[in-house]
Amino acid sequence: MTLLQSKQHSVEIIPADLLLYAYCNAMFPMAESRNGPLYWYSPDPRAIIPFDRLKVSRSLRQALKKKVFEVRVNAAFGRVIRECAEREETWISEQIVQSYLELHRLGYAHSVESWRGDKLAGGLYGVALGAAFFGESMFHSERDASKVALVFLVDRLRERGFELLDTQFMTPHLARLGAIEISKDDYLDRLKQAIKKKRSFV
């Protein structure tokens, strides 16, 4: 793992060009805590979700079939990232929030949201570059809401010719969803090919 401490102050956003350069070189930022310093990570191994390995549980399949949630894209990016940050231990500091709000304004960061009526029940956000999507975080306030958003995301990426869904670190939750680990060298090869291609997420 590579750790490079950022020189950015907590009240300043990370420049968008620096963020995009980092993603193109297999790195991403995380804060030590809600108010802690920022570090840059490049894990080895790296976790990804191959589109054909996404696991859909019985309860999730039922939620999809019954259309329990309406899925929207970029309808509430700011709310999604702040909901993702609302946990006891978080790596999403205010600097992270403001930096990704700027990436969203520039058209690189996106949210996929599960709504029940006018209630935001869950969702995820990430960054799209070329044919790669870098998933950052998920949240839910209702069962399966974030997973419905993930299924929608994978379908959308597949339909639009994306090739890589990066989930950064492996967790038990991601493993249950079908994530696998690959070597950093393998990831870099896939990343290099994916970011060369022109794809549109929206």
N, C-alpha and C. Protein backbone atom coordinates (compact mmCIF):
# COMPACT_ATOMS: atom_id res chain seq x y z
N MET A 1 0.85 -1.20 0.00
CA MET A 1 0.00 0.00 0.00
C MET A 1 0.88 1.24 0.00
N THR A 2 0.51 2.21 -0.80
CA THR A 2 1.25 3.46 -0.86
C THR A 2 0.50 4.52 -0.08
N LEU A 3 1.18 5.21 0.79
CA LEU A 3 0.56 6.28 1.56
C LEU A 3 1.35 7.55 1.34
N LEU A 4 0.71 8.57 0.82
CA LEU A 4 1.34 9.86 0.62
C LEU A 4 0.45 10.91 1.27
N GLN A 5 0.95 11.57 2.29
CA GLN A 5 0.10 12.55 2.97
C GLN A 5 -0.07 13.79 2.11
N SER A 6 -1.32 14.26 1.99
CA SER A 6 -1.62 15.45 1.20
C SER A 6 -1.16 16.69 1.93
N LYS A 7 -0.74 17.69 1.17
CA LYS A 7 -0.37 18.98 1.74
C LYS A 7 -1.57 19.91 1.79
N GLN A 8 -2.72 19.43 1.31
CA GLN A 8 -3.91 20.27 1.32
C GLN A 8 -4.39 20.51 2.75
N HIS A 9 -4.87 21.71 3.02
CA HIS A 9 -5.48 21.99 4.31
C HIS A 9 -6.90 21.45 4.30
N SER A 10 -7.42 21.16 5.51
CA SER A 10 -8.71 20.50 5.60
C SER A 10 -9.83 21.36 5.03
N VAL A 11 -9.66 22.68 4.97
CA VAL A 11 -10.71 23.56 4.46
C VAL A 11 -10.62 23.73 2.95
N GLU A 12 -9.59 23.21 2.32
CA GLU A 12 -9.41 23.39 0.89
C GLU A 12 -9.81 22.12 0.15
N ILE A 13 -10.34 22.28 -1.05
CA ILE A 13 -10.66 21.10 -1.84
C ILE A 13 -9.41 20.57 -2.52
N ILE A 14 -9.44 19.29 -2.86
CA ILE A 14 -8.38 18.70 -3.64
C ILE A 14 -8.59 19.16 -5.08
N PRO A 15 -7.59 19.71 -5.74
CA PRO A 15 -7.79 20.16 -7.12
C PRO A 15 -8.30 19.02 -8.00
N ALA A 16 -9.25 19.33 -8.85
CA ALA A 16 -9.87 18.29 -9.68
C ALA A 16 -8.84 17.61 -10.57
N ASP A 17 -7.89 18.36 -11.12
CA ASP A 17 -6.91 17.73 -11.99
C ASP A 17 -6.02 16.77 -11.23
N LEU A 18 -5.75 17.06 -9.96
CA LEU A 18 -4.96 16.15 -9.13
C LEU A 18 -5.75 14.87 -8.85
N LEU A 19 -7.03 15.01 -8.54
CA LEU A 19 -7.87 13.84 -8.30
C LEU A 19 -7.93 12.94 -9.53
N LEU A 20 -8.16 13.53 -10.68
CA LEU A 20 -8.28 12.75 -11.91
C LEU A 20 -6.94 12.09 -12.26
N TYR A 21 -5.84 12.81 -12.06
CA TYR A 21 -4.51 12.23 -12.29
C TYR A 21 -4.30 11.03 -11.38
N ALA A 22 -4.72 11.16 -10.11
CA ALA A 22 -4.57 10.06 -9.16
C ALA A 22 -5.34 8.83 -9.61
N TYR A 23 -6.60 9.01 -10.01
CA TYR A 23 -7.39 7.87 -10.45
C TYR A 23 -6.75 7.19 -11.67
N CYS A 24 -6.22 7.98 -12.57
CA CYS A 24 -5.57 7.41 -13.76
C CYS A 24 -4.30 6.65 -13.41
N ASN A 25 -3.80 6.85 -12.19
CA ASN A 25 -2.58 6.18 -11.75
C ASN A 25 -2.83 5.27 -10.54
N ALA A 26 -4.08 4.79 -10.43
CA ALA A 26 -4.46 3.77 -9.43
C ALA A 26 -4.42 4.27 -7.99
N MET A 27 -4.57 5.57 -7.79
CA MET A 27 -4.57 6.11 -6.43
C MET A 27 -5.88 6.83 -6.14
N PHE A 28 -6.20 6.93 -4.86
CA PHE A 28 -7.40 7.65 -4.45
C PHE A 28 -7.19 8.17 -3.02
N PRO A 29 -7.91 9.23 -2.64
CA PRO A 29 -7.73 9.83 -1.31
C PRO A 29 -8.74 9.29 -0.29
N MET A 30 -8.29 9.23 0.95
CA MET A 30 -9.17 8.95 2.08
C MET A 30 -8.66 9.76 3.26
N ALA A 31 -9.57 10.28 4.05
CA ALA A 31 -9.18 11.00 5.25
C ALA A 31 -9.01 10.01 6.40
N GLU A 32 -8.16 10.35 7.33
CA GLU A 32 -7.92 9.48 8.48
C GLU A 32 -9.17 9.36 9.35
N SER A 33 -9.93 10.45 9.39
CA SER A 33 -11.17 10.50 10.17
C SER A 33 -11.99 11.68 9.66
N ARG A 34 -13.10 11.94 10.30
CA ARG A 34 -13.96 13.04 9.86
C ARG A 34 -13.21 14.37 9.79
N ASN A 35 -12.31 14.59 10.71
CA ASN A 35 -11.55 15.84 10.75
C ASN A 35 -10.04 15.60 10.63
N GLY A 36 -9.67 14.41 10.20
CA GLY A 36 -8.27 14.05 10.16
C GLY A 36 -7.58 14.40 8.85
N PRO A 37 -6.27 14.17 8.79
CA PRO A 37 -5.50 14.48 7.57
C PRO A 37 -5.87 13.55 6.42
N LEU A 38 -5.52 13.97 5.24
CA LEU A 38 -5.81 13.21 4.02
C LEU A 38 -4.61 12.39 3.62
N TYR A 39 -4.86 11.15 3.16
CA TYR A 39 -3.81 10.28 2.65
C TYR A 39 -4.22 9.74 1.28
N TRP A 40 -3.21 9.37 0.51
CA TRP A 40 -3.44 8.77 -0.80
C TRP A 40 -3.13 7.28 -0.72
N TYR A 41 -4.02 6.45 -1.28
CA TYR A 41 -3.89 5.00 -1.21
C TYR A 41 -3.79 4.38 -2.60
N SER A 42 -3.05 3.29 -2.67
CA SER A 42 -2.98 2.49 -3.89
C SER A 42 -2.82 1.03 -3.48
N PRO A 43 -3.93 0.35 -3.16
CA PRO A 43 -3.87 -0.98 -2.56
C PRO A 43 -3.31 -2.05 -3.51
N ASP A 44 -2.69 -3.04 -2.92
CA ASP A 44 -2.26 -4.23 -3.63
C ASP A 44 -2.44 -5.41 -2.68
N PRO A 45 -3.41 -6.31 -2.94
CA PRO A 45 -4.24 -6.40 -4.14
C PRO A 45 -5.35 -5.34 -4.18
N ARG A 46 -6.03 -5.30 -5.32
CA ARG A 46 -7.11 -4.33 -5.56
C ARG A 46 -8.42 -5.09 -5.72
N ALA A 47 -9.50 -4.53 -5.20
CA ALA A 47 -10.81 -5.17 -5.33
C ALA A 47 -11.59 -4.58 -6.50
N ILE A 48 -12.19 -5.46 -7.28
CA ILE A 48 -13.06 -5.04 -8.38
C ILE A 48 -14.30 -5.94 -8.38
N ILE A 49 -15.35 -5.50 -9.04
CA ILE A 49 -16.52 -6.36 -9.26
C ILE A 49 -16.65 -6.61 -10.75
N PRO A 50 -16.32 -7.82 -11.21
CA PRO A 50 -16.58 -8.15 -12.61
C PRO A 50 -18.09 -8.15 -12.85
N PHE A 51 -18.51 -7.57 -13.95
CA PHE A 51 -19.94 -7.42 -14.19
C PHE A 51 -20.68 -8.76 -14.15
N ASP A 52 -20.04 -9.82 -14.62
CA ASP A 52 -20.71 -11.12 -14.68
C ASP A 52 -20.64 -11.90 -13.37
N ARG A 53 -20.05 -11.30 -12.34
CA ARG A 53 -19.94 -11.99 -11.05
C ARG A 53 -20.80 -11.35 -9.97
N LEU A 54 -21.55 -10.32 -10.31
CA LEU A 54 -22.40 -9.67 -9.31
C LEU A 54 -23.40 -10.68 -8.75
N LYS A 55 -23.45 -10.78 -7.44
CA LYS A 55 -24.33 -11.74 -6.78
C LYS A 55 -25.61 -11.05 -6.31
N VAL A 56 -26.73 -11.62 -6.71
CA VAL A 56 -28.04 -11.06 -6.36
C VAL A 56 -28.75 -12.04 -5.44
N SER A 57 -28.94 -11.65 -4.19
CA SER A 57 -29.59 -12.52 -3.21
C SER A 57 -31.09 -12.64 -3.51
N ARG A 58 -31.72 -13.57 -2.83
CA ARG A 58 -33.16 -13.78 -3.04
C ARG A 58 -33.96 -12.53 -2.67
N SER A 59 -33.62 -11.93 -1.52
CA SER A 59 -34.37 -10.74 -1.09
C SER A 59 -34.14 -9.58 -2.06
N LEU A 60 -32.91 -9.46 -2.55
CA LEU A 60 -32.62 -8.41 -3.51
C LEU A 60 -33.36 -8.65 -4.82
N ARG A 61 -33.40 -9.89 -5.25
CA ARG A 61 -34.12 -10.23 -6.48
C ARG A 61 -35.60 -9.86 -6.36
N GLN A 62 -36.17 -10.10 -5.17
CA GLN A 62 -37.57 -9.76 -4.94
C GLN A 62 -37.78 -8.25 -4.96
N ALA A 63 -36.84 -7.51 -4.36
CA ALA A 63 -36.95 -6.05 -4.35
C ALA A 63 -36.89 -5.50 -5.77
N LEU A 64 -36.03 -6.11 -6.60
CA LEU A 64 -35.92 -5.68 -7.99
C LEU A 64 -37.19 -6.01 -8.77
N LYS A 65 -37.71 -7.21 -8.53
CA LYS A 65 -38.90 -7.66 -9.25
C LYS A 65 -40.12 -6.81 -8.90
N LYS A 66 -40.24 -6.48 -7.61
CA LYS A 66 -41.39 -5.71 -7.15
C LYS A 66 -41.22 -4.20 -7.37
N LYS A 67 -40.02 -3.81 -7.83
CA LYS A 67 -39.71 -2.39 -8.05
C LYS A 67 -40.02 -1.57 -6.80
N VAL A 68 -39.47 -2.07 -5.68
CA VAL A 68 -39.67 -1.40 -4.39
C VAL A 68 -39.14 0.03 -4.43
N PHE A 69 -38.04 0.20 -5.14
CA PHE A 69 -37.40 1.52 -5.20
C PHE A 69 -37.36 2.04 -6.64
N GLU A 70 -37.45 3.36 -6.76
CA GLU A 70 -37.20 4.01 -8.04
C GLU A 70 -35.73 4.43 -8.05
N VAL A 71 -35.02 4.06 -9.09
CA VAL A 71 -33.59 4.40 -9.16
C VAL A 71 -33.41 5.65 -10.02
N ARG A 72 -32.65 6.60 -9.49
CA ARG A 72 -32.34 7.84 -10.20
C ARG A 72 -30.84 8.05 -10.23
N VAL A 73 -30.37 8.80 -11.20
CA VAL A 73 -28.95 9.09 -11.35
C VAL A 73 -28.73 10.60 -11.18
N ASN A 74 -27.80 10.94 -10.27
CA ASN A 74 -27.39 12.34 -10.07
C ASN A 74 -28.52 13.27 -9.64
N ALA A 75 -29.55 12.71 -9.02
CA ALA A 75 -30.65 13.56 -8.55
C ALA A 75 -30.32 14.22 -7.21
N ALA A 76 -29.41 13.60 -6.43
CA ALA A 76 -29.11 14.12 -5.09
C ALA A 76 -27.68 13.74 -4.70
N PHE A 77 -26.72 14.11 -5.55
CA PHE A 77 -25.33 13.71 -5.30
C PHE A 77 -24.85 14.19 -3.93
N GLY A 78 -25.11 15.45 -3.62
CA GLY A 78 -24.66 15.99 -2.35
C GLY A 78 -25.23 15.24 -1.15
N ARG A 79 -26.49 14.88 -1.23
CA ARG A 79 -27.11 14.13 -0.13
C ARG A 79 -26.50 12.74 -0.01
N VAL A 80 -26.23 12.12 -1.14
CA VAL A 80 -25.65 10.76 -1.11
C VAL A 80 -24.29 10.77 -0.44
N ILE A 81 -23.40 11.66 -0.83
CA ILE A 81 -22.06 11.65 -0.25
C ILE A 81 -22.10 11.99 1.23
N ARG A 82 -23.02 12.87 1.62
CA ARG A 82 -23.11 13.20 3.05
C ARG A 82 -23.73 12.05 3.85
N GLU A 83 -24.66 11.33 3.26
CA GLU A 83 -25.22 10.16 3.93
C GLU A 83 -24.14 9.09 4.09
N CYS A 84 -23.30 8.93 3.07
CA CYS A 84 -22.21 7.96 3.16
C CYS A 84 -21.23 8.32 4.28
N ALA A 85 -21.10 9.61 4.56
CA ALA A 85 -20.17 10.07 5.60
C ALA A 85 -20.75 9.93 7.00
N GLU A 86 -22.07 9.74 7.11
CA GLU A 86 -22.73 9.73 8.41
C GLU A 86 -22.61 8.38 9.08
N ARG A 87 -21.45 8.10 9.63
CA ARG A 87 -21.23 6.88 10.41
C ARG A 87 -20.20 7.20 11.48
N GLU A 88 -20.12 6.36 12.50
CA GLU A 88 -19.24 6.67 13.62
C GLU A 88 -17.80 6.87 13.18
N GLU A 89 -17.29 5.93 12.39
CA GLU A 89 -15.94 6.05 11.87
C GLU A 89 -16.04 6.25 10.36
N THR A 90 -15.54 7.36 9.88
CA THR A 90 -15.66 7.66 8.46
C THR A 90 -14.35 8.20 7.91
N TRP A 91 -14.12 7.93 6.64
CA TRP A 91 -12.95 8.49 5.94
C TRP A 91 -13.38 9.65 5.05
N ILE A 92 -14.68 9.96 5.08
CA ILE A 92 -15.21 11.04 4.22
C ILE A 92 -15.27 12.33 5.04
N SER A 93 -14.21 13.09 4.96
CA SER A 93 -14.15 14.38 5.67
C SER A 93 -14.85 15.45 4.85
N GLU A 94 -14.96 16.64 5.41
CA GLU A 94 -15.57 17.74 4.67
C GLU A 94 -14.72 18.10 3.45
N GLN A 95 -13.43 17.93 3.54
CA GLN A 95 -12.55 18.16 2.39
C GLN A 95 -12.88 17.19 1.26
N ILE A 96 -13.11 15.92 1.62
CA ILE A 96 -13.51 14.93 0.63
C ILE A 96 -14.86 15.31 0.02
N VAL A 97 -15.81 15.66 0.87
CA VAL A 97 -17.15 16.04 0.38
C VAL A 97 -17.06 17.17 -0.63
N GLN A 98 -16.37 18.23 -0.27
CA GLN A 98 -16.30 19.40 -1.14
C GLN A 98 -15.53 19.10 -2.43
N SER A 99 -14.52 18.26 -2.34
CA SER A 99 -13.73 17.91 -3.52
C SER A 99 -14.56 17.12 -4.52
N TYR A 100 -15.38 16.20 -4.02
CA TYR A 100 -16.18 15.38 -4.93
C TYR A 100 -17.43 16.12 -5.42
N LEU A 101 -17.90 17.09 -4.64
CA LEU A 101 -18.95 17.95 -5.15
C LEU A 101 -18.45 18.72 -6.38
N GLU A 102 -17.19 19.15 -6.34
CA GLU A 102 -16.61 19.84 -7.48
C GLU A 102 -16.44 18.88 -8.66
N LEU A 103 -15.99 17.65 -8.39
CA LEU A 103 -15.89 16.65 -9.47
C LEU A 103 -17.26 16.37 -10.08
N HIS A 104 -18.28 16.37 -9.25
CA HIS A 104 -19.64 16.17 -9.75
C HIS A 104 -20.04 17.34 -10.64
N ARG A 105 -19.73 18.55 -10.19
CA ARG A 105 -20.06 19.74 -10.99
C ARG A 105 -19.37 19.69 -12.36
N LEU A 106 -18.19 19.11 -12.40
CA LEU A 106 -17.42 19.02 -13.64
C LEU A 106 -17.84 17.83 -14.50
N GLY A 107 -18.72 16.98 -13.97
CA GLY A 107 -19.24 15.86 -14.76
C GLY A 107 -18.51 14.54 -14.61
N TYR A 108 -17.63 14.43 -13.61
CA TYR A 108 -16.87 13.19 -13.42
C TYR A 108 -17.43 12.31 -12.30
N ALA A 109 -17.96 12.90 -11.27
CA ALA A 109 -18.49 12.13 -10.14
C ALA A 109 -20.01 12.01 -10.27
N HIS A 110 -20.51 10.83 -9.95
CA HIS A 110 -21.93 10.53 -10.16
C HIS A 110 -22.51 9.76 -8.96
N SER A 111 -23.80 9.91 -8.78
CA SER A 111 -24.50 9.14 -7.76
C SER A 111 -25.61 8.32 -8.42
N VAL A 112 -25.85 7.15 -7.84
CA VAL A 112 -26.99 6.31 -8.21
C VAL A 112 -27.80 6.14 -6.94
N GLU A 113 -29.09 6.47 -7.01
CA GLU A 113 -29.90 6.57 -5.80
C GLU A 113 -31.15 5.69 -5.87
N SER A 114 -31.51 5.12 -4.73
CA SER A 114 -32.76 4.37 -4.60
C SER A 114 -33.74 5.21 -3.80
N TRP A 115 -34.87 5.49 -4.40
CA TRP A 115 -35.89 6.33 -3.78
C TRP A 115 -37.16 5.52 -3.53
N ARG A 116 -37.79 5.78 -2.40
CA ARG A 116 -39.15 5.29 -2.13
C ARG A 116 -40.03 6.52 -1.98
N GLY A 117 -40.73 6.84 -3.05
CA GLY A 117 -41.48 8.10 -3.05
C GLY A 117 -40.50 9.26 -3.04
N ASP A 118 -40.68 10.16 -2.06
CA ASP A 118 -39.77 11.30 -1.96
C ASP A 118 -38.67 11.07 -0.93
N LYS A 119 -38.50 9.81 -0.49
CA LYS A 119 -37.47 9.49 0.50
C LYS A 119 -36.27 8.84 -0.17
N LEU A 120 -35.09 9.39 0.10
CA LEU A 120 -33.85 8.79 -0.37
C LEU A 120 -33.51 7.64 0.56
N ALA A 121 -33.62 6.40 0.06
CA ALA A 121 -33.47 5.22 0.90
C ALA A 121 -32.09 4.59 0.84
N GLY A 122 -31.29 4.96 -0.14
CA GLY A 122 -29.96 4.39 -0.26
C GLY A 122 -29.32 4.84 -1.56
N GLY A 123 -28.05 4.53 -1.69
CA GLY A 123 -27.37 4.91 -2.92
C GLY A 123 -25.88 4.73 -2.83
N LEU A 124 -25.21 5.16 -3.87
CA LEU A 124 -23.75 5.07 -3.96
C LEU A 124 -23.24 6.23 -4.81
N TYR A 125 -21.94 6.47 -4.70
CA TYR A 125 -21.34 7.47 -5.59
C TYR A 125 -19.96 7.00 -6.00
N GLY A 126 -19.49 7.56 -7.12
CA GLY A 126 -18.17 7.20 -7.61
C GLY A 126 -17.77 8.11 -8.74
N VAL A 127 -16.67 7.76 -9.38
CA VAL A 127 -16.07 8.59 -10.43
C VAL A 127 -15.98 7.78 -11.72
N ALA A 128 -16.38 8.37 -12.83
CA ALA A 128 -16.31 7.72 -14.14
C ALA A 128 -15.22 8.40 -14.97
N LEU A 129 -14.30 7.58 -15.48
CA LEU A 129 -13.23 8.06 -16.35
C LEU A 129 -13.03 7.04 -17.46
N GLY A 130 -13.20 7.46 -18.70
CA GLY A 130 -13.08 6.52 -19.80
C GLY A 130 -14.08 5.39 -19.62
N ALA A 131 -13.59 4.15 -19.68
CA ALA A 131 -14.45 2.98 -19.50
C ALA A 131 -14.29 2.38 -18.11
N ALA A 132 -13.86 3.21 -17.15
CA ALA A 132 -13.69 2.76 -15.76
C ALA A 132 -14.61 3.54 -14.84
N PHE A 133 -15.16 2.85 -13.86
CA PHE A 133 -15.95 3.50 -12.81
C PHE A 133 -15.33 3.13 -11.48
N PHE A 134 -15.02 4.15 -10.68
CA PHE A 134 -14.37 3.95 -9.39
C PHE A 134 -15.41 4.15 -8.29
N GLY A 135 -15.89 3.07 -7.72
CA GLY A 135 -16.89 3.17 -6.67
C GLY A 135 -16.26 3.67 -5.38
N GLU A 136 -16.90 4.64 -4.75
CA GLU A 136 -16.34 5.23 -3.54
C GLU A 136 -17.03 4.77 -2.26
N SER A 137 -18.34 4.88 -2.20
CA SER A 137 -19.03 4.52 -0.96
C SER A 137 -20.51 4.29 -1.24
N MET A 138 -21.15 3.55 -0.31
CA MET A 138 -22.58 3.24 -0.40
C MET A 138 -23.22 3.52 0.96
N PHE A 139 -24.53 3.74 0.95
CA PHE A 139 -25.26 3.84 2.21
C PHE A 139 -26.68 3.32 1.98
N HIS A 140 -27.35 2.98 3.06
CA HIS A 140 -28.77 2.62 2.96
C HIS A 140 -29.46 2.91 4.28
N SER A 141 -30.72 3.29 4.20
CA SER A 141 -31.56 3.42 5.39
C SER A 141 -32.68 2.39 5.35
N GLU A 142 -32.82 1.69 4.21
CA GLU A 142 -33.78 0.61 4.07
C GLU A 142 -33.08 -0.60 3.46
N ARG A 143 -33.53 -1.76 3.84
CA ARG A 143 -32.90 -3.00 3.38
C ARG A 143 -32.86 -3.06 1.85
N ASP A 144 -31.71 -3.43 1.34
CA ASP A 144 -31.46 -3.66 -0.09
C ASP A 144 -31.43 -2.40 -0.94
N ALA A 145 -31.62 -1.23 -0.33
CA ALA A 145 -31.68 0.00 -1.14
C ALA A 145 -30.35 0.27 -1.85
N SER A 146 -29.23 0.13 -1.14
CA SER A 146 -27.94 0.38 -1.79
C SER A 146 -27.61 -0.71 -2.79
N LYS A 147 -28.06 -1.93 -2.52
CA LYS A 147 -27.79 -3.04 -3.45
C LYS A 147 -28.59 -2.88 -4.74
N VAL A 148 -29.80 -2.36 -4.64
CA VAL A 148 -30.58 -2.06 -5.85
C VAL A 148 -29.82 -1.04 -6.70
N ALA A 149 -29.25 -0.03 -6.03
CA ALA A 149 -28.47 0.97 -6.75
C ALA A 149 -27.25 0.33 -7.41
N LEU A 150 -26.62 -0.62 -6.74
CA LEU A 150 -25.45 -1.30 -7.31
C LEU A 150 -25.83 -2.13 -8.53
N VAL A 151 -26.93 -2.84 -8.47
CA VAL A 151 -27.38 -3.62 -9.62
C VAL A 151 -27.64 -2.70 -10.81
N PHE A 152 -28.29 -1.57 -10.54
CA PHE A 152 -28.53 -0.58 -11.60
C PHE A 152 -27.21 -0.09 -12.17
N LEU A 153 -26.25 0.19 -11.29
CA LEU A 153 -24.94 0.67 -11.74
C LEU A 153 -24.28 -0.34 -12.66
N VAL A 154 -24.23 -1.60 -12.24
CA VAL A 154 -23.58 -2.63 -13.06
C VAL A 154 -24.27 -2.77 -14.41
N ASP A 155 -25.60 -2.76 -14.40
CA ASP A 155 -26.33 -2.85 -15.68
C ASP A 155 -26.00 -1.67 -16.58
N ARG A 156 -25.94 -0.50 -15.99
CA ARG A 156 -25.66 0.71 -16.77
C ARG A 156 -24.24 0.67 -17.34
N LEU A 157 -23.30 0.25 -16.53
CA LEU A 157 -21.91 0.17 -16.99
C LEU A 157 -21.77 -0.83 -18.13
N ARG A 158 -22.43 -1.96 -17.97
CA ARG A 158 -22.38 -2.99 -19.02
C ARG A 158 -23.00 -2.47 -20.32
N GLU A 159 -24.17 -1.85 -20.20
CA GLU A 159 -24.88 -1.36 -21.38
C GLU A 159 -24.10 -0.27 -22.11
N ARG A 160 -23.33 0.51 -21.37
CA ARG A 160 -22.64 1.65 -21.97
C ARG A 160 -21.18 1.35 -22.31
N GLY A 161 -20.81 0.10 -22.26
CA GLY A 161 -19.49 -0.29 -22.72
C GLY A 161 -18.35 -0.07 -21.76
N PHE A 162 -18.66 0.09 -20.47
CA PHE A 162 -17.59 0.21 -19.47
C PHE A 162 -16.94 -1.15 -19.28
N GLU A 163 -15.71 -1.14 -18.78
CA GLU A 163 -14.96 -2.38 -18.65
C GLU A 163 -14.47 -2.67 -17.24
N LEU A 164 -14.45 -1.66 -16.38
CA LEU A 164 -13.85 -1.83 -15.06
C LEU A 164 -14.70 -1.17 -13.99
N LEU A 165 -15.04 -1.94 -12.95
CA LEU A 165 -15.71 -1.40 -11.77
C LEU A 165 -14.79 -1.63 -10.58
N ASP A 166 -14.13 -0.58 -10.17
CA ASP A 166 -13.15 -0.63 -9.08
C ASP A 166 -13.86 -0.39 -7.75
N THR A 167 -13.61 -1.27 -6.79
CA THR A 167 -14.17 -1.08 -5.45
C THR A 167 -13.07 -0.89 -4.40
N GLN A 168 -11.84 -0.74 -4.86
CA GLN A 168 -10.71 -0.35 -4.02
C GLN A 168 -10.28 -1.44 -3.06
N PHE A 169 -10.79 -1.47 -1.83
CA PHE A 169 -10.42 -2.48 -0.85
C PHE A 169 -11.49 -3.57 -0.78
N MET A 170 -11.07 -4.79 -0.52
CA MET A 170 -12.02 -5.88 -0.31
C MET A 170 -12.58 -5.80 1.11
N THR A 171 -13.89 -6.01 1.24
CA THR A 171 -14.56 -6.12 2.53
C THR A 171 -15.46 -7.35 2.48
N PRO A 172 -15.86 -7.89 3.63
CA PRO A 172 -16.80 -9.02 3.60
C PRO A 172 -18.09 -8.69 2.85
N HIS A 173 -18.57 -7.45 2.99
CA HIS A 173 -19.79 -7.03 2.30
C HIS A 173 -19.61 -7.08 0.79
N LEU A 174 -18.48 -6.55 0.30
CA LEU A 174 -18.23 -6.56 -1.13
C LEU A 174 -18.01 -7.98 -1.65
N ALA A 175 -17.38 -8.81 -0.84
CA ALA A 175 -17.16 -10.21 -1.25
C ALA A 175 -18.50 -10.91 -1.45
N ARG A 176 -19.47 -10.62 -0.58
CA ARG A 176 -20.80 -11.23 -0.72
C ARG A 176 -21.50 -10.74 -1.99
N LEU A 177 -21.12 -9.57 -2.46
CA LEU A 177 -21.72 -9.01 -3.67
C LEU A 177 -21.03 -9.47 -4.95
N GLY A 178 -19.91 -10.19 -4.78
CA GLY A 178 -19.22 -10.72 -5.95
C GLY A 178 -17.88 -10.09 -6.26
N ALA A 179 -17.39 -9.23 -5.38
CA ALA A 179 -16.09 -8.62 -5.60
C ALA A 179 -14.97 -9.65 -5.53
N ILE A 180 -13.92 -9.42 -6.29
CA ILE A 180 -12.73 -10.27 -6.26
C ILE A 180 -11.51 -9.38 -6.10
N GLU A 181 -10.40 -9.99 -5.72
CA GLU A 181 -9.15 -9.25 -5.62
C GLU A 181 -8.23 -9.64 -6.77
N ILE A 182 -7.55 -8.65 -7.34
CA ILE A 182 -6.56 -8.89 -8.37
C ILE A 182 -5.28 -8.17 -7.98
N SER A 183 -4.18 -8.57 -8.57
CA SER A 183 -2.91 -7.92 -8.24
C SER A 183 -2.90 -6.49 -8.75
N LYS A 184 -2.05 -5.68 -8.16
CA LYS A 184 -1.94 -4.29 -8.60
C LYS A 184 -1.48 -4.22 -10.05
N ASP A 185 -0.57 -5.10 -10.43
CA ASP A 185 -0.11 -5.11 -11.83
C ASP A 185 -1.25 -5.41 -12.79
N ASP A 186 -2.08 -6.40 -12.43
CA ASP A 186 -3.24 -6.74 -13.26
C ASP A 186 -4.20 -5.55 -13.31
N TYR A 187 -4.42 -4.94 -12.16
CA TYR A 187 -5.32 -3.78 -12.11
C TYR A 187 -4.80 -2.65 -12.99
N LEU A 188 -3.51 -2.38 -12.92
CA LEU A 188 -2.93 -1.30 -13.72
C LEU A 188 -3.08 -1.57 -15.21
N ASP A 189 -2.93 -2.83 -15.61
CA ASP A 189 -3.13 -3.19 -17.02
C ASP A 189 -4.56 -2.92 -17.45
N ARG A 190 -5.53 -3.33 -16.62
CA ARG A 190 -6.94 -3.11 -16.94
C ARG A 190 -7.28 -1.62 -16.95
N LEU A 191 -6.73 -0.91 -15.97
CA LEU A 191 -6.98 0.52 -15.86
C LEU A 191 -6.44 1.26 -17.08
N LYS A 192 -5.23 0.93 -17.48
CA LYS A 192 -4.60 1.59 -18.62
C LYS A 192 -5.45 1.45 -19.88
N GLN A 193 -6.01 0.26 -20.09
CA GLN A 193 -6.84 0.03 -21.26
C GLN A 193 -8.19 0.76 -21.15
N ALA A 194 -8.76 0.74 -19.95
CA ALA A 194 -10.10 1.31 -19.76
C ALA A 194 -10.11 2.83 -19.92
N ILE A 195 -9.12 3.52 -19.37
CA ILE A 195 -9.18 4.97 -19.40
C ILE A 195 -8.88 5.56 -20.77
N LYS A 196 -8.38 4.73 -21.69
CA LYS A 196 -8.13 5.19 -23.06
C LYS A 196 -9.42 5.37 -23.86
N LYS A 197 -10.48 4.69 -23.42
CA LYS A 197 -11.71 4.63 -24.20
C LYS A 197 -12.70 5.71 -23.80
N LYS A 198 -13.47 6.15 -24.74
CA LYS A 198 -14.47 7.18 -24.48
C LYS A 198 -15.82 6.54 -24.20
N ARG A 199 -16.33 6.79 -23.02
CA ARG A 199 -17.63 6.28 -22.63
C ARG A 199 -18.40 7.40 -21.92
N SER A 200 -19.72 7.30 -21.95
CA SER A 200 -20.55 8.29 -21.27
C SER A 200 -21.39 7.60 -20.20
N PHE A 201 -21.29 8.09 -18.96
CA PHE A 201 -22.07 7.51 -17.87
C PHE A 201 -23.49 8.03 -17.85
N VAL A 202 -23.67 9.30 -18.27
CA VAL A 202 -25.01 9.90 -18.22
C VAL A 202 -25.52 10.12 -19.64
